C-alpha atoms as a PDB file:
ATOM      1  CA  MET A   1    -123.142 128.529  43.985  1.00  0.00           C
ATOM      2  CA  ILE A   2    -125.207 130.069  41.177  1.00  0.00           C
ATOM      3  CA  TYR A   3    -128.221 128.163  39.861  1.00  0.00           C
ATOM      4  CA  LEU A   4    -128.957 128.555  36.135  1.00  0.00           C
ATOM      5  CA  GLU A   5    -131.548 127.215  33.713  1.00  0.00           C
ATOM      6  CA  THR A   6    -131.060 127.426  29.955  1.00  0.00           C
ATOM      7  CA  GLY A   7    -134.731 128.004  29.135  1.00  0.00           C
ATOM      8  CA  SER A   8    -134.339 125.868  26.011  1.00  0.00           C
ATOM      9  CA  SER A   9    -134.808 122.267  24.890  1.00  0.00           C
ATOM     10  CA  SER A  10    -132.434 122.676  21.928  1.00  0.00           C
ATOM     11  CA  PRO A  11    -129.374 120.444  22.485  1.00  0.00           C
ATOM     12  CA  TYR A  12    -127.225 122.783  20.398  1.00  0.00           C
ATOM     13  CA  TYR A  13    -128.135 125.803  22.502  1.00  0.00           C
ATOM     14  CA  ASN A  14    -127.907 123.892  25.782  1.00  0.00           C
ATOM     15  CA  LEU A  15    -124.407 122.577  25.136  1.00  0.00           C
ATOM     16  CA  ALA A  16    -123.294 126.004  23.922  1.00  0.00           C
ATOM     17  CA  PHE A  17    -124.795 127.498  27.100  1.00  0.00           C
ATOM     18  CA  GLU A  18    -122.933 124.980  29.239  1.00  0.00           C
ATOM     19  CA  GLU A  19    -119.596 125.676  27.513  1.00  0.00           C
ATOM     20  CA  TYR A  20    -120.109 129.440  27.724  1.00  0.00           C
ATOM     21  CA  VAL A  21    -120.750 129.289  31.472  1.00  0.00           C
ATOM     22  CA  PHE A  22    -117.662 127.112  31.889  1.00  0.00           C
ATOM     23  CA  GLU A  23    -115.362 129.225  29.733  1.00  0.00           C
ATOM     24  CA  LYS A  24    -116.629 132.796  30.070  1.00  0.00           C
ATOM     25  CA  LEU A  25    -118.527 133.432  33.284  1.00  0.00           C
ATOM     26  CA  ASN A  26    -116.887 134.446  36.546  1.00  0.00           C
ATOM     27  CA  VAL A  27    -114.368 131.742  37.535  1.00  0.00           C
ATOM     28  CA  ALA A  28    -114.626 132.830  41.166  1.00  0.00           C
ATOM     29  CA  LYS A  29    -118.174 131.448  41.167  1.00  0.00           C
ATOM     30  CA  GLU A  30    -119.521 127.907  41.127  1.00  0.00           C
ATOM     31  CA  TYR A  31    -122.532 126.941  39.016  1.00  0.00           C
ATOM     32  CA  PHE A  32    -125.300 124.369  39.062  1.00  0.00           C
ATOM     33  CA  MET A  33    -127.585 123.874  36.068  1.00  0.00           C
ATOM     34  CA  LEU A  34    -130.660 121.808  35.210  1.00  0.00           C
ATOM     35  CA  TRP A  35    -131.659 121.404  31.566  1.00  0.00           C
ATOM     36  CA  GLN A  36    -133.499 119.156  29.138  1.00  0.00           C
ATOM     37  CA  ASN A  37    -133.011 118.264  25.492  1.00  0.00           C
ATOM     38  CA  ASP A  38    -135.606 117.355  22.933  1.00  0.00           C
ATOM     39  CA  ARG A  39    -134.932 113.976  21.284  1.00  0.00           C
ATOM     40  CA  THR A  40    -131.157 113.870  20.855  1.00  0.00           C
ATOM     41  CA  VAL A  41    -128.192 111.553  20.607  1.00  0.00           C
ATOM     42  CA  VAL A  42    -125.268 113.140  22.468  1.00  0.00           C
ATOM     43  CA  VAL A  43    -121.899 111.615  21.596  1.00  0.00           C
ATOM     44  CA  GLY A  44    -118.760 111.778  23.715  1.00  0.00           C
ATOM     45  CA  ARG A  45    -115.889 114.111  22.847  1.00  0.00           C
ATOM     46  CA  TYR A  46    -113.629 111.344  21.538  1.00  0.00           C
ATOM     47  CA  GLN A  47    -116.176 109.187  19.773  1.00  0.00           C
ATOM     48  CA  ASN A  48    -116.558 108.606  16.051  1.00  0.00           C
ATOM     49  CA  THR A  49    -120.139 109.769  15.529  1.00  0.00           C
ATOM     50  CA  ILE A  50    -120.615 107.773  12.330  1.00  0.00           C
ATOM     51  CA  GLU A  51    -119.870 104.567  14.236  1.00  0.00           C
ATOM     52  CA  GLU A  52    -122.087 105.450  17.213  1.00  0.00           C
ATOM     53  CA  VAL A  53    -125.298 106.621  15.545  1.00  0.00           C
ATOM     54  CA  ASN A  54    -127.896 104.829  13.446  1.00  0.00           C
ATOM     55  CA  ALA A  55    -127.841 107.638  10.886  1.00  0.00           C
ATOM     56  CA  GLN A  56    -130.740 106.392   8.773  1.00  0.00           C
ATOM     57  CA  TYR A  57    -133.069 106.096  11.747  1.00  0.00           C
ATOM     58  CA  VAL A  58    -132.210 109.417  13.405  1.00  0.00           C
ATOM     59  CA  ASP A  59    -132.662 111.194  10.068  1.00  0.00           C
ATOM     60  CA  GLU A  60    -136.005 109.512   9.429  1.00  0.00           C
ATOM     61  CA  VAL A  61    -137.540 110.423  12.798  1.00  0.00           C
ATOM     62  CA  GLY A  62    -135.828 113.769  13.307  1.00  0.00           C
ATOM     63  CA  ILE A  63    -133.517 113.034  16.240  1.00  0.00           C
ATOM     64  CA  HIS A  64    -130.805 115.636  16.823  1.00  0.00           C
ATOM     65  CA  VAL A  65    -127.140 114.577  16.944  1.00  0.00           C
ATOM     66  CA  VAL A  66    -124.576 116.658  18.828  1.00  0.00           C
ATOM     67  CA  ARG A  67    -121.131 116.201  20.371  1.00  0.00           C
ATOM     68  CA  ARG A  68    -120.429 117.297  23.952  1.00  0.00           C
ATOM     69  CA  LEU A  69    -117.207 118.598  25.493  1.00  0.00           C
ATOM     70  CA  SER A  70    -116.648 115.615  27.789  1.00  0.00           C
ATOM     71  CA  GLY A  71    -115.574 112.070  27.071  1.00  0.00           C
ATOM     72  CA  GLY A  72    -117.546 108.897  27.678  1.00  0.00           C
ATOM     73  CA  GLY A  73    -120.148 107.147  25.582  1.00  0.00           C
ATOM     74  CA  ALA A  74    -123.099 108.180  23.457  1.00  0.00           C
ATOM     75  CA  VAL A  75    -126.438 108.682  25.230  1.00  0.00           C
ATOM     76  CA  TYR A  76    -130.028 109.355  24.242  1.00  0.00           C
ATOM     77  CA  HIS A  77    -131.879 112.370  25.685  1.00  0.00           C
ATOM     78  CA  ASP A  78    -135.549 113.302  25.522  1.00  0.00           C
ATOM     79  CA  MET A  79    -137.952 115.311  27.658  1.00  0.00           C
ATOM     80  CA  GLY A  80    -138.329 112.384  30.060  1.00  0.00           C
ATOM     81  CA  ASN A  81    -134.675 112.821  31.001  1.00  0.00           C
ATOM     82  CA  LEU A  82    -133.239 115.576  33.196  1.00  0.00           C
ATOM     83  CA  ASN A  83    -129.652 116.756  32.759  1.00  0.00           C
ATOM     84  CA  TYR A  84    -127.653 118.369  35.522  1.00  0.00           C
ATOM     85  CA  THR A  85    -124.316 120.208  35.474  1.00  0.00           C
ATOM     86  CA  PHE A  86    -121.851 121.286  38.138  1.00  0.00           C
ATOM     87  CA  ILE A  87    -119.058 123.726  37.287  1.00  0.00           C
ATOM     88  CA  VAL A  88    -116.573 124.108  40.140  1.00  0.00           C
ATOM     89  CA  ASN A  89    -112.895 124.627  40.825  1.00  0.00           C
ATOM     90  CA  GLN A  90    -110.825 121.497  40.463  1.00  0.00           C
ATOM     91  CA  ASP A  91    -109.619 121.609  44.055  1.00  0.00           C
ATOM     92  CA  LYS A  92    -113.162 120.650  45.120  1.00  0.00           C
ATOM     93  CA  ALA A  93    -112.746 117.200  43.571  1.00  0.00           C
ATOM     94  CA  PRO A  94    -109.918 115.142  42.065  1.00  0.00           C
ATOM     95  CA  ASP A  95    -110.063 114.462  38.356  1.00  0.00           C
ATOM     96  CA  PHE A  96    -112.888 112.136  37.421  1.00  0.00           C
ATOM     97  CA  ASP A  97    -114.183 111.542  40.939  1.00  0.00           C
ATOM     98  CA  PHE A  98    -117.791 111.111  39.898  1.00  0.00           C
ATOM     99  CA  LYS A  99    -119.116 110.062  43.309  1.00  0.00           C
ATOM    100  CA  ILE A 100    -118.870 113.586  44.749  1.00  0.00           C
ATOM    101  CA  PHE A 101    -121.247 115.027  42.162  1.00  0.00           C
ATOM    102  CA  THR A 102    -123.704 112.126  42.072  1.00  0.00           C
ATOM    103  CA  ARG A 103    -124.414 112.289  45.822  1.00  0.00           C
ATOM    104  CA  PRO A 104    -127.301 114.809  45.584  1.00  0.00           C
ATOM    105  CA  VAL A 105    -129.040 112.701  42.935  1.00  0.00           C
ATOM    106  CA  ILE A 106    -128.634 109.521  44.958  1.00  0.00           C
ATOM    107  CA  SER A 107    -129.798 111.321  48.110  1.00  0.00           C
ATOM    108  CA  VAL A 108    -132.986 112.564  46.415  1.00  0.00           C
ATOM    109  CA  LEU A 109    -133.756 109.118  45.023  1.00  0.00           C
ATOM    110  CA  ASN A 110    -133.183 107.529  48.435  1.00  0.00           C
ATOM    111  CA  GLU A 111    -135.564 110.065  50.007  1.00  0.00           C
ATOM    112  CA  LEU A 112    -138.167 108.953  47.451  1.00  0.00           C
ATOM    113  CA  GLY A 113    -137.725 105.352  48.582  1.00  0.00           C
ATOM    114  CA  VAL A 114    -135.610 104.334  45.593  1.00  0.00           C
ATOM    115  CA  GLU A 115    -132.512 102.287  46.461  1.00  0.00           C
ATOM    116  CA  ALA A 116    -130.074 103.962  44.095  1.00  0.00           C
ATOM    117  CA  GLU A 117    -126.288 103.699  44.356  1.00  0.00           C
ATOM    118  CA  PHE A 118    -123.117 104.629  42.494  1.00  0.00           C
ATOM    119  CA  ALA A 119    -121.640 101.820  40.394  1.00  0.00           C
ATOM    120  CA  GLY A 120    -118.935 101.254  37.814  1.00  0.00           C
ATOM    121  CA  ARG A 121    -116.871 104.191  36.657  1.00  0.00           C
ATOM    122  CA  ASN A 122    -119.655 106.752  36.145  1.00  0.00           C
ATOM    123  CA  ASP A 123    -123.188 105.393  36.699  1.00  0.00           C
ATOM    124  CA  ILE A 124    -126.033 105.560  39.192  1.00  0.00           C
ATOM    125  CA  VAL A 125    -127.959 102.296  39.249  1.00  0.00           C
ATOM    126  CA  ILE A 126    -131.176 100.910  40.687  1.00  0.00           C
ATOM    127  CA  GLN A 127    -131.157  97.143  41.240  1.00  0.00           C
ATOM    128  CA  GLY A 128    -128.200  96.891  38.898  1.00  0.00           C
ATOM    129  CA  LYS A 129    -129.794  98.932  36.108  1.00  0.00           C
ATOM    130  CA  LYS A 130    -128.480 102.325  35.037  1.00  0.00           C
ATOM    131  CA  CYS A 131    -130.693 105.361  35.620  1.00  0.00           C
ATOM    132  CA  SER A 132    -127.958 107.995  35.332  1.00  0.00           C
ATOM    133  CA  GLY A 133    -124.734 108.297  33.341  1.00  0.00           C
ATOM    134  CA  ASN A 134    -122.104 110.921  34.118  1.00  0.00           C
ATOM    135  CA  SER A 135    -119.135 112.565  32.454  1.00  0.00           C
ATOM    136  CA  GLN A 136    -116.553 115.281  33.116  1.00  0.00           C
ATOM    137  CA  TYR A 137    -114.427 117.837  31.316  1.00  0.00           C
ATOM    138  CA  CYS A 138    -111.446 119.514  33.013  1.00  0.00           C
ATOM    139  CA  LYS A 139    -109.556 122.614  31.912  1.00  0.00           C
ATOM    140  CA  ASN A 140    -107.501 125.368  33.573  1.00  0.00           C
ATOM    141  CA  GLY A 141    -108.267 124.198  37.087  1.00  0.00           C
ATOM    142  CA  ARG A 142    -112.021 123.917  36.530  1.00  0.00           C
ATOM    143  CA  ILE A 143    -114.301 120.872  36.329  1.00  0.00           C
ATOM    144  CA  LEU A 144    -117.491 120.575  34.341  1.00  0.00           C
ATOM    145  CA  HIS A 145    -119.443 117.567  35.564  1.00  0.00           C
ATOM    146  CA  HIS A 146    -122.712 116.660  33.902  1.00  0.00           C
ATOM    147  CA  GLY A 147    -125.086 113.730  34.105  1.00  0.00           C
ATOM    148  CA  THR A 148    -128.427 112.352  33.009  1.00  0.00           C
ATOM    149  CA  ILE A 149    -131.382 111.372  35.200  1.00  0.00           C
ATOM    150  CA  LEU A 150    -133.816 108.989  33.499  1.00  0.00           C
ATOM    151  CA  LEU A 151    -137.184 109.800  35.034  1.00  0.00           C
ATOM    152  CA  ASN A 152    -139.548 108.646  32.302  1.00  0.00           C
ATOM    153  CA  SER A 153    -137.586 108.490  29.057  1.00  0.00           C
ATOM    154  CA  ASP A 154    -138.497 106.499  25.937  1.00  0.00           C
ATOM    155  CA  LEU A 155    -135.890 103.790  26.399  1.00  0.00           C
ATOM    156  CA  SER A 156    -136.888 102.000  23.197  1.00  0.00           C
ATOM    157  CA  MET A 157    -135.143 104.810  21.357  1.00  0.00           C
ATOM    158  CA  ILE A 158    -131.756 103.814  22.749  1.00  0.00           C
ATOM    159  CA  GLU A 159    -131.377 100.714  20.592  1.00  0.00           C
ATOM    160  CA  ARG A 160    -132.997 102.365  17.592  1.00  0.00           C
ATOM    161  CA  ALA A 161    -130.888 105.513  17.604  1.00  0.00           C
ATOM    162  CA  LEU A 162    -127.529 104.139  18.757  1.00  0.00           C
ATOM    163  CA  SER A 163    -125.153 101.677  17.108  1.00  0.00           C
ATOM    164  CA  VAL A 164    -123.363 100.305  20.143  1.00  0.00           C
ATOM    165  CA  ASN A 165    -120.033  98.497  19.819  1.00  0.00           C
ATOM    166  CA  ARG A 166    -120.517  94.817  20.658  1.00  0.00           C
ATOM    167  CA  GLN A 167    -117.436  94.837  22.910  1.00  0.00           C
ATOM    168  CA  LYS A 168    -119.149  97.341  25.223  1.00  0.00           C
ATOM    169  CA  ILE A 169    -122.267  95.188  25.552  1.00  0.00           C
ATOM    170  CA  GLU A 170    -120.257  92.026  26.206  1.00  0.00           C
ATOM    171  CA  SER A 171    -118.126  93.806  28.820  1.00  0.00           C
ATOM    172  CA  LYS A 172    -121.325  94.569  30.793  1.00  0.00           C
ATOM    173  CA  SER A 173    -122.479  90.918  30.635  1.00  0.00           C
ATOM    174  CA  VAL A 174    -125.841  91.963  29.187  1.00  0.00           C
ATOM    175  CA  LYS A 175    -127.681  91.130  25.976  1.00  0.00           C
ATOM    176  CA  SER A 176    -128.298  94.727  24.945  1.00  0.00           C
ATOM    177  CA  VAL A 177    -127.937  98.334  26.071  1.00  0.00           C
ATOM    178  CA  ARG A 178    -131.700  98.537  26.519  1.00  0.00           C
ATOM    179  CA  SER A 179    -131.583  95.676  29.023  1.00  0.00           C
ATOM    180  CA  ARG A 180    -129.228  97.524  31.377  1.00  0.00           C
ATOM    181  CA  VAL A 181    -131.041 100.879  31.673  1.00  0.00           C
ATOM    182  CA  THR A 182    -134.208 101.826  33.527  1.00  0.00           C
ATOM    183  CA  ASN A 183    -136.518 104.716  34.351  1.00  0.00           C
ATOM    184  CA  ILE A 184    -136.885 105.971  37.916  1.00  0.00           C
ATOM    185  CA  VAL A 185    -140.703 105.968  37.690  1.00  0.00           C
ATOM    186  CA  ASN A 186    -140.608 102.171  37.634  1.00  0.00           C
ATOM    187  CA  PHE A 187    -139.482 102.191  41.279  1.00  0.00           C
ATOM    188  CA  LEU A 188    -141.708 104.928  42.721  1.00  0.00           C
ATOM    189  CA  ASP A 189    -144.767 104.327  44.883  1.00  0.00           C
ATOM    190  CA  GLN A 190    -146.255 107.675  43.847  1.00  0.00           C
ATOM    191  CA  ALA A 191    -146.235 109.941  40.810  1.00  0.00           C
ATOM    192  CA  LEU A 192    -143.291 112.307  40.398  1.00  0.00           C
ATOM    193  CA  SER A 193    -143.316 115.156  37.890  1.00  0.00           C
ATOM    194  CA  MET A 194    -140.189 116.542  36.271  1.00  0.00           C
ATOM    195  CA  ASP A 195    -140.769 119.866  38.030  1.00  0.00           C
ATOM    196  CA  GLU A 196    -140.932 118.157  41.412  1.00  0.00           C
ATOM    197  CA  LEU A 197    -137.715 116.272  40.663  1.00  0.00           C
ATOM    198  CA  LYS A 198    -136.036 119.593  39.845  1.00  0.00           C
ATOM    199  CA  HIS A 199    -137.294 121.204  43.041  1.00  0.00           C
ATOM    200  CA  ARG A 200    -136.081 118.278  45.133  1.00  0.00           C
ATOM    201  CA  LEU A 201    -132.605 118.416  43.591  1.00  0.00           C
ATOM    202  CA  ILE A 202    -132.327 122.149  44.113  1.00  0.00           C
ATOM    203  CA  ALA A 203    -133.457 121.796  47.740  1.00  0.00           C
ATOM    204  CA  CYS A 204    -130.980 118.987  48.351  1.00  0.00           C
ATOM    205  CA  ILE A 205    -128.036 121.026  47.061  1.00  0.00           C
ATOM    206  CA  ALA A 206    -129.207 124.104  48.983  1.00  0.00           C
ATOM    207  CA  LYS A 207    -128.840 122.106  52.231  1.00  0.00           C
ATOM    208  CA  ASP A 208    -125.070 121.933  51.767  1.00  0.00           C
ATOM    209  CA  THR A 209    -124.227 125.181  49.996  1.00  0.00           C
ATOM    210  CA  TRP A 210    -125.649 128.642  49.462  1.00  0.00           C
ATOM    211  CA  LEU A 211    -127.586 128.446  46.209  1.00  0.00           C
ATOM    212  CA  GLU A 212    -128.450 131.697  44.446  1.00  0.00           C
ATOM    213  CA  ALA A 213    -130.664 132.011  41.375  1.00  0.00           C
ATOM    214  CA  GLY A 214    -128.746 133.526  38.482  1.00  0.00           C
ATOM    215  CA  HIS A 215    -129.360 134.644  34.927  1.00  0.00           C
ATOM    216  CA  ILE A 216    -127.384 135.516  31.824  1.00  0.00           C
ATOM    217  CA  SER A 217    -127.438 138.883  30.107  1.00  0.00           C
ATOM    218  CA  GLU A 218    -128.707 139.582  26.608  1.00  0.00           C
ATOM    219  CA  ALA A 219    -125.088 139.988  25.515  1.00  0.00           C
ATOM    220  CA  ASP A 220    -124.240 136.565  26.963  1.00  0.00           C
ATOM    221  CA  ASP A 221    -127.228 135.046  25.187  1.00  0.00           C
ATOM    222  CA  ARG A 222    -126.059 136.483  21.844  1.00  0.00           C
ATOM    223  CA  ARG A 223    -122.607 134.970  22.348  1.00  0.00           C
ATOM    224  CA  ILE A 224    -124.118 131.614  23.301  1.00  0.00           C
ATOM    225  CA  ARG A 225    -126.179 131.629  20.100  1.00  0.00           C
ATOM    226  CA  GLU A 226    -123.055 132.453  18.111  1.00  0.00           C
ATOM    227  CA  LEU A 227    -121.286 129.485  19.710  1.00  0.00           C
ATOM    228  CA  GLN A 228    -124.313 127.335  18.959  1.00  0.00           C
ATOM    229  CA  SER A 229    -124.258 128.341  15.299  1.00  0.00           C
ATOM    230  CA  ASN A 230    -120.504 128.305  14.781  1.00  0.00           C
ATOM    231  CA  LYS A 231    -119.743 125.109  16.685  1.00  0.00           C
ATOM    232  CA  TYR A 232    -122.524 122.930  18.019  1.00  0.00           C
ATOM    233  CA  GLN A 233    -124.670 122.961  14.896  1.00  0.00           C
ATOM    234  CA  THR A 234    -121.772 122.316  12.509  1.00  0.00           C
ATOM    235  CA  TRP A 235    -121.011 119.042  10.778  1.00  0.00           C
ATOM    236  CA  GLU A 236    -117.314 119.539  11.515  1.00  0.00           C
ATOM    237  CA  TRP A 237    -117.884 119.449  15.292  1.00  0.00           C
ATOM    238  CA  ASN A 238    -120.555 116.771  15.432  1.00  0.00           C
ATOM    239  CA  TYR A 239    -119.175 114.247  12.946  1.00  0.00           C
ATOM    240  CA  ASP A 240    -115.788 112.682  12.509  1.00  0.00           C
ATOM    241  CA  SER A 241    -114.469 113.959   9.179  1.00  0.00           C
ATOM    242  CA  SER A 242    -111.442 111.644   9.117  1.00  0.00           C
ATOM    243  CA  LEU A 243    -111.205 109.351   6.094  1.00  0.00           C
ATOM    244  CA  PRO A 244    -110.995 105.588   6.700  1.00  0.00           C
ATOM    245  CA  TYR A 245    -107.494 104.471   7.677  1.00  0.00           C
ATOM    246  CA  PRO A 246    -105.919 101.181   6.463  1.00  0.00           C
ATOM    247  CA  ILE A 247    -105.221  99.920  10.005  1.00  0.00           C
ATOM    248  CA  GLN A 248    -108.099  99.882  12.498  1.00  0.00           C
ATOM    249  CA  LYS A 249    -107.996  98.382  15.990  1.00  0.00           C
ATOM    250  CA  SER A 250    -110.096  98.599  19.130  1.00  0.00           C
ATOM    251  CA  LYS A 251    -109.817  97.292  22.678  1.00  0.00           C
ATOM    252  CA  LYS A 252    -112.074  97.491  25.723  1.00  0.00           C
ATOM    253  CA  PHE A 253    -110.153  98.517  28.845  1.00  0.00           C
ATOM    254  CA  PRO A 254    -111.687  98.881  32.331  1.00  0.00           C
ATOM    255  CA  ALA A 255    -111.390 102.663  31.816  1.00  0.00           C
ATOM    256  CA  GLY A 256    -113.221 102.605  28.487  1.00  0.00           C
ATOM    257  CA  LEU A 257    -113.241 101.510  24.870  1.00  0.00           C
ATOM    258  CA  VAL A 258    -110.369 102.786  22.720  1.00  0.00           C
ATOM    259  CA  SER A 259    -110.400 102.605  18.920  1.00  0.00           C
ATOM    260  CA  VAL A 260    -107.503 103.679  16.762  1.00  0.00           C
ATOM    261  CA  ARG A 261    -107.147 104.249  13.030  1.00  0.00           C
ATOM    262  CA  LEU A 262    -103.627 104.319  11.716  1.00  0.00           C
ATOM    263  CA  GLN A 263    -101.784 105.010   8.477  1.00  0.00           C
ATOM    264  CA  ALA A 264     -98.149 103.948   8.265  1.00  0.00           C
ATOM    265  CA  GLU A 265     -95.380 104.676   5.795  1.00  0.00           C
ATOM    266  CA  GLY A 266     -92.746 102.026   6.203  1.00  0.00           C
ATOM    267  CA  ASN A 267     -92.538 101.473   9.941  1.00  0.00           C
ATOM    268  CA  ARG A 268     -93.480 105.048  10.891  1.00  0.00           C
ATOM    269  CA  ILE A 269     -96.845 106.568  11.763  1.00  0.00           C
ATOM    270  CA  ALA A 270     -98.087 108.777   8.926  1.00  0.00           C
ATOM    271  CA  ALA A 271    -101.462 109.590  10.512  1.00  0.00           C
ATOM    272  CA  ILE A 272    -103.300 108.400  13.609  1.00  0.00           C
ATOM    273  CA  HIS A 273    -106.718 109.012  15.131  1.00  0.00           C
ATOM    274  CA  PHE A 274    -108.025 107.852  18.520  1.00  0.00           C
ATOM    275  CA  SER A 275    -111.708 107.561  19.393  1.00  0.00           C
ATOM    276  CA  GLY A 276    -113.747 105.887  22.108  1.00  0.00           C
ATOM    277  CA  ASP A 277    -115.783 106.374  25.267  1.00  0.00           C
ATOM    278  CA  PHE A 278    -112.815 107.007  27.558  1.00  0.00           C
ATOM    279  CA  PHE A 279    -112.376 110.140  29.677  1.00  0.00           C
ATOM    280  CA  GLY A 280    -109.394 112.431  29.466  1.00  0.00           C
ATOM    281  CA  ASN A 281    -107.880 115.876  29.820  1.00  0.00           C
ATOM    282  CA  GLY A 282    -106.628 118.105  27.049  1.00  0.00           C
ATOM    283  CA  ASP A 283    -107.008 118.018  23.287  1.00  0.00           C
ATOM    284  CA  ILE A 284    -106.249 114.511  22.071  1.00  0.00           C
ATOM    285  CA  SER A 285    -105.402 115.862  18.613  1.00  0.00           C
ATOM    286  CA  LEU A 286    -102.186 117.206  20.178  1.00  0.00           C
ATOM    287  CA  LEU A 287    -101.197 113.668  21.117  1.00  0.00           C
ATOM    288  CA  GLU A 288    -102.084 112.429  17.639  1.00  0.00           C
ATOM    289  CA  GLN A 289    -100.018 115.129  15.954  1.00  0.00           C
ATOM    290  CA  ALA A 290     -97.037 114.457  18.217  1.00  0.00           C
ATOM    291  CA  LEU A 291     -97.047 110.756  17.292  1.00  0.00           C
ATOM    292  CA  VAL A 292     -96.804 111.366  13.538  1.00  0.00           C
ATOM    293  CA  GLY A 293     -93.384 110.256  12.299  1.00  0.00           C
ATOM    294  CA  THR A 294     -92.742 107.986  15.278  1.00  0.00           C
ATOM    295  CA  PRO A 295     -91.422 104.471  14.490  1.00  0.00           C
ATOM    296  CA  LEU A 296     -93.659 101.540  15.402  1.00  0.00           C
ATOM    297  CA  ASN A 297     -91.166 100.084  17.842  1.00  0.00           C
ATOM    298  CA  GLU A 298     -89.885 100.673  21.375  1.00  0.00           C
ATOM    299  CA  GLU A 299     -89.372 104.341  20.521  1.00  0.00           C
ATOM    300  CA  LEU A 300     -93.158 104.692  20.280  1.00  0.00           C
ATOM    301  CA  TYR A 301     -93.569 103.478  23.864  1.00  0.00           C
ATOM    302  CA  GLN A 302     -90.923 105.901  25.110  1.00  0.00           C
ATOM    303  CA  LYS A 303     -92.664 108.761  23.305  1.00  0.00           C
ATOM    304  CA  LEU A 304     -96.059 107.849  24.763  1.00  0.00           C
ATOM    305  CA  VAL A 305     -94.458 108.008  28.221  1.00  0.00           C
ATOM    306  CA  ARG A 306     -92.838 111.392  27.531  1.00  0.00           C
ATOM    307  CA  LEU A 307     -96.093 112.790  26.180  1.00  0.00           C
ATOM    308  CA  ARG A 308     -97.971 111.573  29.277  1.00  0.00           C
ATOM    309  CA  ALA A 309    -100.477 109.755  27.106  1.00  0.00           C
ATOM    310  CA  GLU A 310    -102.362 108.590  30.211  1.00  0.00           C
ATOM    311  CA  GLU A 311    -103.549 112.167  30.752  1.00  0.00           C
ATOM    312  CA  TYR A 312    -105.406 112.078  27.428  1.00  0.00           C
ATOM    313  CA  MET A 313    -106.960 108.676  28.222  1.00  0.00           C
ATOM    314  CA  LYS A 314    -107.466 108.422  31.972  1.00  0.00           C
ATOM    315  CA  GLY A 315    -106.870 104.977  33.438  1.00  0.00           C
ATOM    316  CA  ILE A 316    -105.146 103.717  30.268  1.00  0.00           C
ATOM    317  CA  SER A 317    -101.357 103.554  30.487  1.00  0.00           C
ATOM    318  CA  PRO A 318     -98.748 104.275  27.776  1.00  0.00           C
ATOM    319  CA  GLY A 319     -98.002 100.548  27.864  1.00  0.00           C
ATOM    320  CA  ASP A 320    -101.658  99.722  27.180  1.00  0.00           C
ATOM    321  CA  ILE A 321    -101.709 102.064  24.194  1.00  0.00           C
ATOM    322  CA  TYR A 322     -98.373 100.797  22.898  1.00  0.00           C
ATOM    323  CA  GLU A 323     -99.441  97.148  23.059  1.00  0.00           C
ATOM    324  CA  MET A 324    -102.669  97.986  21.276  1.00  0.00           C
ATOM    325  CA  LEU A 325    -100.854  99.792  18.449  1.00  0.00           C
ATOM    326  CA  ILE A 326     -98.124  97.190  18.017  1.00  0.00           C
END
């Protein structure tokens, strides 16, 4: 396994770096990365950014907004948070098996005397409060797994910067997002620097696999910066450009929140757009395009089955989607 650091706190560069390693570097190798972002809201691949972000506040205080490759919900990053990434072949872990990749983090926290454990679909918690959220992106037999580690983050920013759907808060049986997250420092008996946390994670992973320090070439860096400029810093990638649709619905499933905006002509779908904090494989726009022209009746259900809609929204069946739309 190759260990890489981005050497940057720019979220646009870091996410471009992560994608470049996933897409372009040697697929015969596995990679582990540690990286940090300056104050940033990172939205999930399928989310509607306008609905997730308190735009006025983030503009006023200069918080970055960027979309990642993977699904899941919006999160807040700052320099008190450490991000980690694994890029491995898919045969090392079934789709969306988060526990495998969270084990080193949990092990390090346990060694520090912190009783952390995996909970829910993608979290690490301490005494029921989230200290790490995780997400995955799968393509061509490869998995990109990344997660946050809240060491000493400014948690007050979460409620200020994010506009969280009320259904998500109610589904967690909490009063607010802020009330269900915590920093690791609150449970430590001694001080822990970010550098020491990094060193401990690297040492933990090195116990189980050969870990080799790696670097990218100047040519790779130029291509990463091109990807940063042409994708991750663009409005088209980071914000949902779809116009409001006449029909809007949302439902919270155990596998995530799904929102849909729909235009119909007669009883047929004229345009459709899915968003939410669910996980999935593939480009969901392909599913959306394939549904255009489909009648809003039993034929829609049959088409969702044929298109294997559950692959685009893991844990959510064609029947779930059909019932939501109808």
